Amino acid sequence: MLQSSPEVTMRFFRVCSLTSSALAIAVLGGCSGGTTDSSRNTGGNGSGGGGDLPSTGTDKEGLCEITDDGWEVAPMRRLSNVEYDNAVADLLGDDLRLPEALLPGDESVSGYASNGVVTVGVSEAEKFSAAAKSVAERFVPRQADLLKCASGQTNEACAIDFIKRTGRLAFRRTLEADETELLNQIYLNKAKTTDHPQAIRLVVEAILQMPQFLYRPVVGLQNEQSSANKLTGEEIASRLSFFLWSSIPDNDLLAAAEAGDLDATDGLTAQVRRMMDDPRFDRSLEAFSLQWLGVEARPAKDDLKFPGFTEDFWSSAKTSISRFFHHAVKETDGNMKSLFTAPIAFADQKLASTYGVSAKSSTFDSFKTDAKERGGIFTQAAVMATLSGTTETSPVKRGLFVRAKLLCQTPPPPPPMGVAPLPAETTDKTLRQRLEEHRANPACAACHAFFDPLGLAFEHFDAVGAYRAQEHGIAIDATGELSDSDVDGNFTDAMELLGQLEQSAIASECLSNQLFRFAIGRLESEADACVLKRMSHDLTKDGYSLQDAFVKLATSDAFRFVGRI
């Protein structure tokens, strides 16, 4: 039996090889001792939302035709660093979170941490081993809080209770008998040579390295009348918890899955609403907003030109985005308008001057912004700083951001070899003027016309997101024309551009797609088209909130059915 971190690692990583197909066997059968029998339905005998089969035919609102084709196999997703950290906190205590550097890096799909095709080699396994060991060692002094040993209960009996209780949450399902036996043997062997606390420590260390914890299998149950598999109740619970909490399910959600409550629309919707009312929903709001906007890592800046762009400033700028998105989703009847142009910002002392407000404390307060200058989530300092260079703004990055993240349009390919670079920065010309010179080259003009006008709309925001009226003493010209959209037209600056986009059906569809990619961990497919069309249609309706979009996605066929392996 296992006695140390390396042994734990080799048992659950090298033996299973960790390819996608091997992991499906590892988690559902081969390494876990579980079963791959598709008749094992742990989530009741119905389908989440209304039946064992996905809907077909004309959508009730007449928006689209639903077919039973094009279902995608769900990726075998490894927990992201954020999900791992939150899961540890929910299992063992918030004070046991890890420095991000201890875990392997995340793989992304269209900007969202997915880890759907990544494999685990020796170096990655060693990182998971070190992370598990760090958590388990720090857990020892506070074991009694979670063990909850009954009066007169033997250590072994208490350990088995702990294994079943903790394993159920960690694995997002009830443990198989041989999984319980394996972890119990790890406990017994260690207890013989050390003591009860150290044996529990090794059990925790093992659980945090097992594929059943680290990976999220979504296989579903086969029905010969459909080309899609219906997710079991426990699979829906797991998918819900990582979508809405960026973490593992709680006991209430697992109990609902086991009771079959997630098999009907009312029961599923009730759980979704409960989870969105829970403070843990803020974790997913933060994760989605930061990944969508691409503002997780601090961009490099010239220290001499921007001495105030410190780690502390960056941390505050990211928090400001999270607070704004939380406000747009939870504290208002948030819709496209509140997200794109609401004249509100959240600032502390570090951000006050950048946002032109007078914050006097280290806490974040909401402030009214000048609606003609700054509003919505896209003019936030962290976004503008990320979409800039080290010394100056980048209309190219900003324009591509609008096309890719707000309109979901594919950018043109990179320029061919030999194309002249942008003229060097100078104090007698604005960046707009230098870009106009660059576009004089026919090889550059076509591509730059696609994104330059949109990026130049944000020229009032410097390379760290502060508002400015001039560049090198020359008045900023942020005018332009939006093309290739359903709301084409001229604009004078970023706020007018965003005012156009908040009315765009293409932008609402793109927002639906972005939320889908975050939730499901892959790009949308043919089978997802109808639910995404309904979501985007509703986003432009009066009285429809961003919260409603989360509910509609979480209760949709796209969320509850997958293609067959």
Protein backbone atom coordinates (compact mmCIF):
# COMPACT_ATOMS: atom_id res chain seq x y z
CA MET A 1 0.00 0.00 0.00
CA LEU A 2 0.95 3.63 -0.42
CA GLN A 3 3.24 5.18 2.12
CA SER A 4 4.45 8.43 0.57
CA SER A 5 3.66 11.14 -1.95
CA PRO A 6 5.63 9.55 -4.84
CA GLU A 7 3.82 6.26 -4.32
CA VAL A 8 0.45 7.99 -4.33
CA THR A 9 1.41 9.77 -7.54
CA MET A 10 2.56 6.67 -9.38
CA ARG A 11 -0.52 4.66 -8.40
CA PHE A 12 -2.98 7.11 -9.88
CA PHE A 13 -1.08 8.77 -12.71
CA ARG A 14 1.51 6.52 -14.30
CA VAL A 15 -0.60 3.39 -14.15
CA CYS A 16 -3.55 5.08 -15.87
CA SER A 17 -1.37 6.78 -18.53
CA LEU A 18 -3.74 9.79 -18.51
CA THR A 19 -4.78 9.92 -22.13
CA SER A 20 -8.37 11.04 -22.59
CA SER A 21 -9.61 7.51 -23.29
CA ALA A 22 -7.58 6.00 -20.47
CA LEU A 23 -8.90 8.58 -18.07
CA ALA A 24 -12.46 7.73 -18.95
CA ILE A 25 -11.63 4.16 -17.95
CA ALA A 26 -9.61 5.31 -14.95
CA VAL A 27 -12.30 7.49 -13.47
CA LEU A 28 -15.27 5.32 -14.32
CA GLY A 29 -13.67 1.90 -14.09
CA GLY A 30 -10.08 0.74 -14.50
CA CYS A 31 -8.23 2.66 -11.83
CA SER A 32 -11.12 3.54 -9.58
CA GLY A 33 -12.71 0.13 -9.50
CA GLY A 34 -15.98 1.73 -10.60
CA THR A 35 -18.17 0.59 -13.44
CA THR A 36 -18.49 1.77 -17.01
CA ASP A 37 -21.87 0.08 -17.36
CA SER A 38 -24.11 2.67 -18.98
CA SER A 39 -27.08 1.30 -17.08
CA ARG A 40 -25.67 2.75 -13.85
CA ASN A 41 -27.98 5.74 -13.43
CA THR A 42 -27.08 7.60 -10.28
CA GLY A 43 -29.31 10.55 -10.99
CA GLY A 44 -32.81 9.16 -11.13
CA ASN A 45 -34.74 7.93 -14.15
CA GLY A 46 -35.60 11.14 -15.90
CA SER A 47 -33.72 13.79 -17.80
CA GLY A 48 -32.63 17.10 -16.33
CA GLY A 49 -35.26 19.51 -17.44
CA GLY A 50 -37.90 17.31 -18.99
CA GLY A 51 -37.46 13.82 -20.38
CA ASP A 52 -34.90 11.23 -21.31
CA LEU A 53 -34.55 12.63 -24.84
CA PRO A 54 -33.44 16.06 -26.03
CA SER A 55 -36.06 18.28 -27.61
CA THR A 56 -36.57 18.22 -31.37
CA GLY A 57 -38.72 20.15 -33.80
CA THR A 58 -39.48 23.84 -34.00
CA ASP A 59 -38.53 25.89 -30.97
CA LYS A 60 -41.63 27.11 -29.11
CA GLU A 61 -40.81 30.73 -29.95
CA GLY A 62 -40.31 29.87 -33.61
CA LEU A 63 -36.70 31.03 -33.53
CA CYS A 64 -35.02 27.87 -34.74
CA GLU A 65 -35.37 24.23 -35.71
CA ILE A 66 -34.02 21.77 -33.12
CA THR A 67 -32.47 18.59 -34.49
CA ASP A 68 -30.95 15.52 -32.89
CA ASP A 69 -27.69 15.88 -34.80
CA GLY A 70 -24.24 17.25 -34.19
CA TRP A 71 -23.87 16.42 -30.49
CA GLU A 72 -20.29 16.82 -29.28
CA VAL A 73 -18.54 14.45 -26.90
CA ALA A 74 -17.82 16.27 -23.66
CA PRO A 75 -14.10 16.86 -23.08
CA MET A 76 -12.49 15.09 -20.12
CA ARG A 77 -11.65 18.27 -18.23
CA ARG A 78 -9.01 18.46 -15.54
CA LEU A 79 -9.73 20.92 -12.75
CA SER A 80 -8.40 24.37 -13.46
CA ASN A 81 -6.13 26.00 -10.90
CA VAL A 82 -9.03 28.14 -9.66
CA GLU A 83 -11.33 25.10 -9.40
CA TYR A 84 -8.68 23.06 -7.57
CA ASP A 85 -8.11 25.88 -5.12
CA ASN A 86 -11.82 26.38 -4.47
CA ALA A 87 -12.40 22.65 -4.10
CA VAL A 88 -9.66 22.39 -1.49
CA ALA A 89 -11.18 25.33 0.38
CA ASP A 90 -14.66 23.79 0.29
CA LEU A 91 -13.41 20.36 1.34
CA LEU A 92 -10.91 21.24 4.02
CA GLY A 93 -10.96 24.94 4.84
CA ASP A 94 -10.48 28.30 3.17
CA ASP A 95 -7.09 28.79 4.81
CA LEU A 96 -5.61 25.83 2.90
CA ARG A 97 -5.56 27.54 -0.50
CA LEU A 98 -2.38 27.17 -2.56
CA PRO A 99 -0.05 29.54 -4.37
CA GLU A 100 -0.89 29.17 -8.07
CA ALA A 101 2.74 28.35 -8.91
CA LEU A 102 2.41 24.99 -7.16
CA LEU A 103 0.00 23.68 -9.82
CA PRO A 104 0.54 22.94 -13.53
CA GLY A 105 -0.58 25.66 -15.90
CA ASP A 106 -4.07 25.68 -17.39
CA GLU A 107 -4.89 24.95 -21.01
CA SER A 108 -7.49 27.28 -22.51
CA VAL A 109 -10.25 27.02 -25.09
CA SER A 110 -10.99 30.40 -26.64
CA GLY A 111 -9.56 32.06 -23.53
CA TYR A 112 -11.27 29.87 -20.90
CA ALA A 113 -9.45 27.40 -18.67
CA SER A 114 -10.63 24.01 -19.88
CA ASN A 115 -7.79 21.46 -19.63
CA GLY A 116 -9.77 19.25 -21.99
CA VAL A 117 -6.92 17.63 -23.94
CA VAL A 118 -3.94 18.25 -21.70
CA THR A 119 -2.03 15.20 -20.48
CA VAL A 120 -0.18 14.78 -17.21
CA GLY A 121 3.49 13.89 -17.47
CA VAL A 122 6.04 13.33 -14.73
CA SER A 123 6.63 17.04 -14.04
CA GLU A 124 2.90 17.78 -13.80
CA ALA A 125 2.33 14.75 -11.56
CA GLU A 126 5.12 15.96 -9.30
CA LYS A 127 3.38 19.34 -9.01
CA PHE A 128 0.10 17.69 -8.05
CA SER A 129 2.01 15.57 -5.54
CA ALA A 130 3.65 18.65 -4.00
CA ALA A 131 0.34 20.51 -3.91
CA ALA A 132 -1.49 17.61 -2.25
CA LYS A 133 1.30 17.18 0.28
CA SER A 134 1.26 20.90 1.13
CA VAL A 135 -2.49 20.89 1.71
CA ALA A 136 -2.45 17.65 3.71
CA GLU A 137 0.36 18.77 6.00
CA ARG A 138 -1.36 22.07 6.77
CA PHE A 139 -4.60 20.19 7.40
CA VAL A 140 -3.13 18.12 10.27
CA PRO A 141 -3.49 20.75 13.04
CA ARG A 142 -7.18 21.25 12.29
CA GLN A 143 -8.25 17.68 11.58
CA ALA A 144 -10.54 17.45 14.59
CA ASP A 145 -12.79 20.16 13.14
CA LEU A 146 -13.68 17.97 10.15
CA LEU A 147 -13.25 14.44 11.46
CA LYS A 148 -16.16 14.77 13.90
CA CYS A 149 -15.40 11.48 15.64
CA ALA A 150 -18.33 10.27 17.73
CA SER A 151 -17.84 9.60 21.44
CA GLY A 152 -16.44 6.10 21.87
CA GLN A 153 -15.86 5.64 18.13
CA THR A 154 -12.63 3.88 17.15
CA ASN A 155 -10.09 5.76 15.05
CA GLU A 156 -10.61 3.38 12.15
CA ALA A 157 -14.40 3.81 12.18
CA CYS A 158 -13.96 7.58 12.35
CA ALA A 159 -11.51 7.41 9.45
CA ILE A 160 -13.96 5.42 7.30
CA ASP A 161 -16.72 7.96 8.01
CA PHE A 162 -14.34 10.75 7.03
CA ILE A 163 -13.30 8.91 3.84
CA LYS A 164 -16.91 8.35 2.75
CA ARG A 165 -18.01 11.88 3.60
CA THR A 166 -15.01 13.68 2.12
CA GLY A 167 -14.66 11.32 -0.82
CA ARG A 168 -18.30 11.85 -1.79
CA LEU A 169 -17.75 15.59 -2.08
CA ALA A 170 -14.32 15.28 -3.70
CA PHE A 171 -15.45 12.72 -6.30
CA ARG A 172 -18.88 14.37 -6.76
CA ARG A 173 -20.60 11.03 -6.15
CA THR A 174 -20.87 8.23 -3.62
CA LEU A 175 -17.65 6.21 -3.40
CA GLU A 176 -17.52 2.69 -4.81
CA ALA A 177 -16.79 -0.03 -2.26
CA ASP A 178 -13.29 -0.68 -3.55
CA GLU A 179 -12.47 3.04 -3.49
CA THR A 180 -13.45 3.15 0.18
CA GLU A 181 -11.38 0.02 0.81
CA LEU A 182 -8.33 1.43 -0.97
CA LEU A 183 -8.38 4.66 1.02
CA ASN A 184 -9.02 2.74 4.24
CA GLN A 185 -5.98 0.56 3.57
CA ILE A 186 -3.88 3.68 3.02
CA TYR A 187 -5.09 4.87 6.41
CA LEU A 188 -4.45 1.53 8.19
CA ASN A 189 -0.96 1.03 6.80
CA LYS A 190 0.12 4.52 7.76
CA ALA A 191 -1.54 4.30 11.19
CA LYS A 192 0.51 1.17 11.98
CA THR A 193 3.81 3.00 11.55
CA THR A 194 2.82 6.47 12.78
CA ASP A 195 -0.45 7.63 14.30
CA HIS A 196 -4.06 8.55 13.50
CA PRO A 197 -3.44 12.19 12.45
CA GLN A 198 -0.62 11.23 10.08
CA ALA A 199 -2.71 8.44 8.58
CA ILE A 200 -5.56 10.89 7.91
CA ARG A 201 -3.01 13.25 6.39
CA LEU A 202 -1.97 10.57 3.88
CA VAL A 203 -5.62 9.84 3.03
CA VAL A 204 -6.15 13.53 2.21
CA GLU A 205 -2.94 13.54 0.18
CA ALA A 206 -4.16 10.53 -1.81
CA ILE A 207 -7.66 11.92 -2.47
CA LEU A 208 -6.25 15.16 -3.86
CA GLN A 209 -4.21 13.21 -6.43
CA MET A 210 -6.80 10.71 -7.58
CA PRO A 211 -8.24 11.09 -11.11
CA GLN A 212 -11.71 10.92 -9.56
CA PHE A 213 -10.96 14.28 -7.93
CA LEU A 214 -8.76 15.89 -10.57
CA TYR A 215 -10.88 15.10 -13.62
CA ARG A 216 -14.49 15.78 -14.55
CA PRO A 217 -15.91 12.90 -16.62
CA VAL A 218 -19.16 13.60 -18.45
CA VAL A 219 -20.34 10.46 -20.24
CA GLY A 220 -24.10 10.24 -19.74
CA LEU A 221 -26.53 7.40 -20.33
CA GLN A 222 -27.27 5.99 -23.75
CA ASN A 223 -30.75 5.93 -25.23
CA GLU A 224 -31.14 4.20 -28.60
CA GLN A 225 -33.81 6.71 -29.64
CA SER A 226 -31.30 9.57 -29.65
CA SER A 227 -27.77 10.26 -30.86
CA ALA A 228 -27.10 12.00 -27.53
CA ASN A 229 -26.43 10.64 -24.05
CA LYS A 230 -28.37 12.10 -21.13
CA LEU A 231 -26.24 13.17 -18.17
CA THR A 232 -26.86 11.41 -14.88
CA GLY A 233 -28.03 13.45 -11.93
CA GLU A 234 -24.56 13.43 -10.40
CA GLU A 235 -22.96 14.50 -13.68
CA ILE A 236 -25.42 17.40 -13.90
CA ALA A 237 -24.64 18.31 -10.29
CA SER A 238 -20.92 18.33 -11.00
CA ARG A 239 -21.29 20.34 -14.20
CA LEU A 240 -23.55 22.80 -12.36
CA SER A 241 -21.17 23.28 -9.46
CA PHE A 242 -18.15 23.97 -11.64
CA PHE A 243 -20.19 26.32 -13.83
CA LEU A 244 -21.84 28.29 -11.02
CA TRP A 245 -19.34 27.91 -8.16
CA SER A 246 -16.04 27.02 -9.87
CA SER A 247 -15.86 24.21 -7.32
CA ILE A 248 -17.32 20.90 -6.18
CA PRO A 249 -21.01 20.36 -5.33
CA ASP A 250 -22.22 20.69 -1.76
CA ASN A 251 -24.21 18.06 0.13
CA ASP A 252 -27.53 19.66 -0.79
CA LEU A 253 -26.80 19.51 -4.52
CA LEU A 254 -25.59 15.90 -4.36
CA ALA A 255 -28.66 14.95 -2.31
CA ALA A 256 -30.88 16.57 -4.96
CA ALA A 257 -29.08 14.59 -7.67
CA GLU A 258 -29.45 11.31 -5.78
CA ALA A 259 -33.14 11.98 -5.12
CA GLY A 260 -33.81 12.65 -8.80
CA ASP A 261 -34.68 16.31 -8.20
CA LEU A 262 -32.43 17.40 -11.08
CA ASP A 263 -34.48 15.27 -13.47
CA ALA A 264 -37.33 17.77 -13.76
CA THR A 265 -37.33 21.38 -14.87
CA ASP A 266 -38.64 22.75 -11.58
CA GLY A 267 -36.15 20.86 -9.43
CA LEU A 268 -33.20 21.77 -11.64
CA THR A 269 -34.19 25.42 -11.83
CA ALA A 270 -34.64 25.58 -8.06
CA GLN A 271 -31.10 24.31 -7.53
CA VAL A 272 -29.69 26.74 -10.08
CA ARG A 273 -31.42 29.66 -8.37
CA ARG A 274 -30.26 28.46 -4.94
CA MET A 275 -26.67 28.23 -6.16
CA MET A 276 -26.81 31.69 -7.70
CA ASP A 277 -28.02 33.10 -4.38
CA ASP A 278 -25.03 31.51 -2.63
CA PRO A 279 -21.86 33.61 -2.12
CA ARG A 280 -19.92 30.91 -3.99
CA PHE A 281 -21.54 32.14 -7.20
CA ASP A 282 -19.23 35.15 -6.97
CA ARG A 283 -16.29 32.84 -7.68
CA SER A 284 -17.66 31.92 -11.09
CA LEU A 285 -18.67 35.48 -11.86
CA GLU A 286 -15.08 36.49 -11.17
CA ALA A 287 -13.57 33.57 -13.11
CA PHE A 288 -15.79 34.17 -16.13
CA SER A 289 -15.29 37.93 -16.26
CA LEU A 290 -11.51 37.78 -15.90
CA GLN A 291 -11.12 34.97 -18.45
CA TRP A 292 -13.57 36.52 -20.91
CA LEU A 293 -11.76 39.85 -20.78
CA GLY A 294 -8.30 38.24 -20.70
CA VAL A 295 -7.12 40.18 -17.65
CA GLU A 296 -5.72 37.45 -15.41
CA ALA A 297 -1.99 38.12 -15.86
CA ARG A 298 -0.50 41.57 -15.21
CA PRO A 299 0.72 43.11 -18.50
CA ALA A 300 4.23 44.53 -18.66
CA LYS A 301 4.55 48.32 -18.49
CA ASP A 302 7.43 50.76 -18.64
CA ASP A 303 8.27 51.48 -14.99
CA LEU A 304 9.56 54.98 -15.73
CA LYS A 305 6.46 56.02 -17.67
CA PHE A 306 3.95 54.25 -15.39
CA PRO A 307 5.53 53.99 -11.92
CA GLY A 308 2.13 53.50 -10.32
CA PHE A 309 1.37 50.33 -12.28
CA THR A 310 2.33 48.01 -9.44
CA GLU A 311 1.12 44.56 -8.39
CA ASP A 312 -1.15 46.28 -5.86
CA PHE A 313 -2.63 48.53 -8.54
CA TRP A 314 -3.18 45.53 -10.82
CA SER A 315 -4.84 43.55 -8.05
CA SER A 316 -7.23 46.45 -7.43
CA ALA A 317 -7.93 46.83 -11.14
CA LYS A 318 -8.91 43.15 -11.40
CA THR A 319 -11.06 43.41 -8.30
CA SER A 320 -12.80 46.42 -9.84
CA ILE A 321 -13.79 44.29 -12.82
CA SER A 322 -15.08 41.48 -10.59
CA ARG A 323 -17.09 43.95 -8.52
CA PHE A 324 -18.58 45.55 -11.62
CA PHE A 325 -19.60 42.20 -13.11
CA HIS A 326 -21.07 41.08 -9.79
CA HIS A 327 -23.05 44.33 -9.70
CA ALA A 328 -24.26 43.92 -13.28
CA VAL A 329 -25.42 40.33 -12.70
CA LYS A 330 -26.60 40.22 -9.09
CA GLU A 331 -27.34 43.71 -7.79
CA THR A 332 -29.38 45.01 -10.72
CA ASP A 333 -31.73 43.57 -13.30
CA GLY A 334 -28.58 43.52 -15.39
CA ASN A 335 -28.85 43.35 -19.17
CA MET A 336 -26.69 44.22 -22.16
CA LYS A 337 -26.99 47.95 -21.42
CA SER A 338 -25.75 47.64 -17.85
CA LEU A 339 -22.83 45.52 -19.00
CA PHE A 340 -21.81 47.70 -21.94
CA THR A 341 -22.45 51.28 -20.82
CA ALA A 342 -23.61 51.60 -17.19
CA PRO A 343 -21.89 54.76 -15.81
CA ILE A 344 -20.57 53.00 -12.71
CA ALA A 345 -17.11 52.06 -11.51
CA PHE A 346 -15.77 50.43 -8.35
CA ALA A 347 -12.59 51.90 -6.93
CA ASP A 348 -10.38 51.98 -3.89
CA GLN A 349 -7.57 54.41 -3.11
CA LYS A 350 -5.22 52.74 -5.60
CA LEU A 351 -7.66 53.20 -8.50
CA ALA A 352 -9.23 56.52 -7.49
CA SER A 353 -7.08 58.81 -9.61
CA THR A 354 -7.29 56.52 -12.64
CA TYR A 355 -11.08 56.59 -12.51
CA GLY A 356 -11.20 60.28 -11.65
CA VAL A 357 -12.94 59.77 -8.32
CA SER A 358 -12.01 60.51 -4.72
CA ALA A 359 -11.96 57.17 -2.93
CA LYS A 360 -10.63 57.56 0.60
CA SER A 361 -10.25 54.00 1.84
CA SER A 362 -8.89 50.59 0.91
CA THR A 363 -12.42 49.24 0.41
CA PHE A 364 -14.17 49.26 -2.94
CA ASP A 365 -17.03 51.70 -3.31
CA SER A 366 -19.22 52.37 -6.31
CA PHE A 367 -18.93 55.71 -8.06
CA LYS A 368 -20.84 57.40 -10.82
CA THR A 369 -18.67 57.98 -13.85
CA ASP A 370 -19.05 60.61 -16.53
CA ALA A 371 -21.28 58.72 -18.95
CA LYS A 372 -19.66 60.53 -21.88
CA GLU A 373 -16.21 59.30 -20.89
CA ARG A 374 -16.32 55.92 -19.15
CA GLY A 375 -18.93 53.25 -18.50
CA GLY A 376 -19.56 49.53 -18.62
CA ILE A 377 -17.05 46.76 -18.14
CA PHE A 378 -14.97 47.26 -21.29
CA THR A 379 -13.54 50.67 -20.37
CA GLN A 380 -12.26 49.34 -17.05
CA ALA A 381 -8.59 50.09 -16.32
CA ALA A 382 -7.55 46.42 -16.32
CA VAL A 383 -9.06 45.85 -19.77
CA MET A 384 -7.49 48.95 -21.27
CA ALA A 385 -4.11 48.18 -19.70
CA THR A 386 -4.15 44.62 -21.00
CA LEU A 387 -5.01 45.83 -24.50
CA SER A 388 -1.98 48.12 -24.64
CA GLY A 389 1.76 47.93 -25.06
CA THR A 390 4.44 48.67 -22.50
CA THR A 391 4.60 52.40 -23.29
CA GLU A 392 1.52 53.24 -25.33
CA THR A 393 -1.94 52.04 -26.27
CA SER A 394 -2.63 49.42 -28.93
CA PRO A 395 -5.61 50.14 -31.18
CA VAL A 396 -4.83 46.86 -32.95
CA LYS A 397 -5.26 44.81 -29.76
CA ARG A 398 -8.33 46.79 -28.75
CA GLY A 399 -9.95 46.47 -32.15
CA LEU A 400 -9.27 42.75 -32.31
CA PHE A 401 -10.75 42.43 -28.83
CA VAL A 402 -14.01 44.02 -29.97
CA ARG A 403 -14.17 41.76 -33.02
CA ALA A 404 -13.28 38.53 -31.20
CA LYS A 405 -14.72 38.95 -27.70
CA LEU A 406 -17.76 41.17 -28.31
CA LEU A 407 -18.78 40.12 -31.82
CA CYS A 408 -17.19 36.63 -32.01
CA GLN A 409 -15.75 37.43 -35.43
CA THR A 410 -12.64 35.66 -36.66
CA PRO A 411 -9.68 38.02 -37.02
CA PRO A 412 -7.65 38.08 -40.22
CA PRO A 413 -4.42 36.05 -40.34
CA PRO A 414 -1.16 37.64 -39.15
CA PRO A 415 0.61 39.87 -41.69
CA PRO A 416 2.92 38.14 -44.18
CA MET A 417 6.67 38.31 -43.80
CA GLY A 418 8.25 41.53 -44.96
CA VAL A 419 5.38 43.90 -44.15
CA ALA A 420 6.70 47.13 -42.67
CA PRO A 421 6.07 47.55 -38.93
CA LEU A 422 4.11 50.41 -37.43
CA PRO A 423 6.15 53.65 -37.48
CA ALA A 424 8.04 54.19 -34.23
CA GLU A 425 6.56 56.23 -31.40
CA THR A 426 7.22 59.95 -31.66
CA THR A 427 6.16 63.01 -29.70
CA ASP A 428 4.94 65.02 -32.70
CA LYS A 429 2.37 62.53 -33.99
CA THR A 430 -0.49 60.67 -32.42
CA LEU A 431 -0.80 56.92 -32.65
CA ARG A 432 -3.80 57.45 -34.92
CA GLN A 433 -1.67 59.43 -37.36
CA ARG A 434 1.04 56.77 -37.36
CA LEU A 435 -1.56 54.06 -38.04
CA GLU A 436 -2.88 56.09 -40.98
CA GLU A 437 0.64 56.12 -42.43
CA HIS A 438 0.85 52.36 -41.88
CA ARG A 439 -2.45 51.76 -43.68
CA ALA A 440 -1.14 53.67 -46.69
CA ASN A 441 0.63 50.40 -47.53
CA PRO A 442 -1.94 48.36 -49.56
CA ALA A 443 -0.67 45.16 -47.91
CA CYS A 444 -1.77 46.54 -44.53
CA ALA A 445 -4.91 48.47 -45.41
CA ALA A 446 -7.49 45.68 -45.77
CA CYS A 447 -6.75 43.96 -42.45
CA HIS A 448 -6.32 47.12 -40.43
CA ALA A 449 -9.59 48.53 -41.75
CA PHE A 450 -11.30 45.60 -40.02
CA PHE A 451 -10.06 46.45 -36.50
CA ASP A 452 -8.26 49.82 -36.39
CA PRO A 453 -11.40 52.04 -36.30
CA LEU A 454 -12.81 50.04 -33.38
CA GLY A 455 -9.54 50.13 -31.47
CA LEU A 456 -9.08 53.86 -32.05
CA ALA A 457 -12.45 54.46 -30.41
CA PHE A 458 -10.71 53.72 -27.08
CA GLU A 459 -7.79 56.15 -27.59
CA HIS A 460 -9.07 58.35 -24.76
CA PHE A 461 -7.75 55.63 -22.40
CA ASP A 462 -3.99 55.49 -22.01
CA ALA A 463 -1.85 52.38 -21.59
CA VAL A 464 -2.91 51.89 -17.95
CA GLY A 465 -6.56 52.83 -18.43
CA ALA A 466 -6.59 56.47 -17.30
CA TYR A 467 -8.80 58.85 -19.27
CA ARG A 468 -7.02 61.53 -21.30
CA ALA A 469 -8.10 64.29 -23.65
CA GLN A 470 -4.79 64.68 -25.49
CA GLU A 471 -1.82 62.68 -26.73
CA HIS A 472 1.46 64.58 -26.97
CA GLY A 473 -0.52 67.80 -26.65
CA ILE A 474 -2.74 66.92 -29.61
CA ALA A 475 -6.48 66.44 -29.08
CA ILE A 476 -7.56 62.79 -29.21
CA ASP A 477 -9.63 61.86 -32.25
CA ALA A 478 -11.65 58.73 -31.35
CA THR A 479 -14.15 58.88 -34.20
CA GLY A 480 -14.76 55.98 -36.53
CA GLU A 481 -17.26 53.73 -38.22
CA LEU A 482 -18.50 50.31 -37.17
CA SER A 483 -18.85 47.91 -40.09
CA ASP A 484 -19.58 44.21 -40.61
CA SER A 485 -22.20 44.14 -37.88
CA ASP A 486 -25.95 44.50 -37.55
CA VAL A 487 -25.62 47.98 -35.98
CA ASP A 488 -23.24 49.64 -38.43
CA GLY A 489 -22.72 53.36 -38.23
CA ASN A 490 -20.45 56.22 -37.24
CA PHE A 491 -19.36 56.92 -33.66
CA THR A 492 -17.44 59.70 -31.96
CA ASP A 493 -15.78 57.67 -29.19
CA ALA A 494 -15.82 54.42 -27.20
CA MET A 495 -19.05 55.17 -25.35
CA GLU A 496 -20.95 55.76 -28.59
CA LEU A 497 -19.47 52.57 -30.05
CA LEU A 498 -20.49 50.57 -26.98
CA GLY A 499 -23.93 52.17 -27.15
CA GLN A 500 -24.29 50.75 -30.64
CA LEU A 501 -23.04 47.31 -29.62
CA GLU A 502 -25.43 47.00 -26.69
CA GLN A 503 -28.25 47.00 -29.27
CA SER A 504 -26.58 44.35 -31.42
CA ALA A 505 -28.09 40.89 -31.84
CA ILE A 506 -24.63 39.70 -32.95
CA ALA A 507 -23.12 40.97 -29.70
CA SER A 508 -25.82 39.31 -27.60
CA GLU A 509 -25.23 36.06 -29.48
CA CYS A 510 -21.50 36.42 -28.85
CA LEU A 511 -22.08 36.94 -25.13
CA SER A 512 -24.18 33.75 -25.09
CA ASN A 513 -21.37 31.91 -26.87
CA GLN A 514 -18.78 33.20 -24.40
CA LEU A 515 -20.84 31.99 -21.44
CA PHE A 516 -21.34 28.63 -23.14
CA ARG A 517 -17.60 28.16 -23.73
CA PHE A 518 -16.89 28.93 -20.08
CA ALA A 519 -19.56 26.50 -18.85
CA ILE A 520 -19.00 23.58 -21.23
CA GLY A 521 -15.27 23.85 -21.95
CA ARG A 522 -15.49 23.68 -25.74
CA LEU A 523 -16.62 25.70 -28.73
CA GLU A 524 -20.27 25.64 -29.68
CA SER A 525 -21.49 23.08 -32.24
CA GLU A 526 -24.49 22.55 -34.51
CA ALA A 527 -26.51 20.89 -31.75
CA ASP A 528 -25.99 23.92 -29.49
CA ALA A 529 -27.21 26.47 -32.04
CA CYS A 530 -30.84 26.65 -30.94
CA VAL A 531 -30.28 27.17 -27.23
CA LEU A 532 -27.69 29.84 -28.00
CA LYS A 533 -30.10 31.56 -30.37
CA ARG A 534 -32.77 31.59 -27.68
CA MET A 535 -30.33 32.96 -25.10
CA SER A 536 -29.12 35.75 -27.37
CA HIS A 537 -32.68 36.63 -28.40
CA ASP A 538 -33.73 36.93 -24.76
CA LEU A 539 -30.72 39.06 -23.83
CA THR A 540 -32.07 41.88 -25.97
CA LYS A 541 -35.58 41.72 -24.46
CA ASP A 542 -36.81 44.16 -21.84
CA GLY A 543 -36.93 42.61 -18.37
CA TYR A 544 -34.50 39.82 -19.22
CA SER A 545 -31.42 39.80 -16.99
CA LEU A 546 -27.96 38.33 -17.17
CA GLN A 547 -28.99 36.00 -14.35
CA ASP A 548 -31.70 34.63 -16.63
CA ALA A 549 -29.00 33.78 -19.18
CA PHE A 550 -27.17 31.65 -16.59
CA VAL A 551 -30.43 29.85 -15.74
CA LYS A 552 -31.38 29.26 -19.36
CA LEU A 553 -27.97 27.75 -20.15
CA ALA A 554 -27.85 25.57 -17.02
CA THR A 555 -31.31 24.11 -17.73
CA SER A 556 -30.85 23.66 -21.47
CA ASP A 557 -30.46 20.48 -23.49
CA ALA A 558 -26.96 21.63 -24.41
CA PHE A 559 -26.06 21.46 -20.72
CA ARG A 560 -27.81 18.14 -19.99
CA PHE A 561 -26.93 16.05 -23.05
CA VAL A 562 -23.63 15.08 -24.68
CA GLY A 563 -22.50 13.13 -27.73
CA ARG A 564 -21.54 9.49 -27.40
CA ILE A 565 -17.96 8.41 -26.88
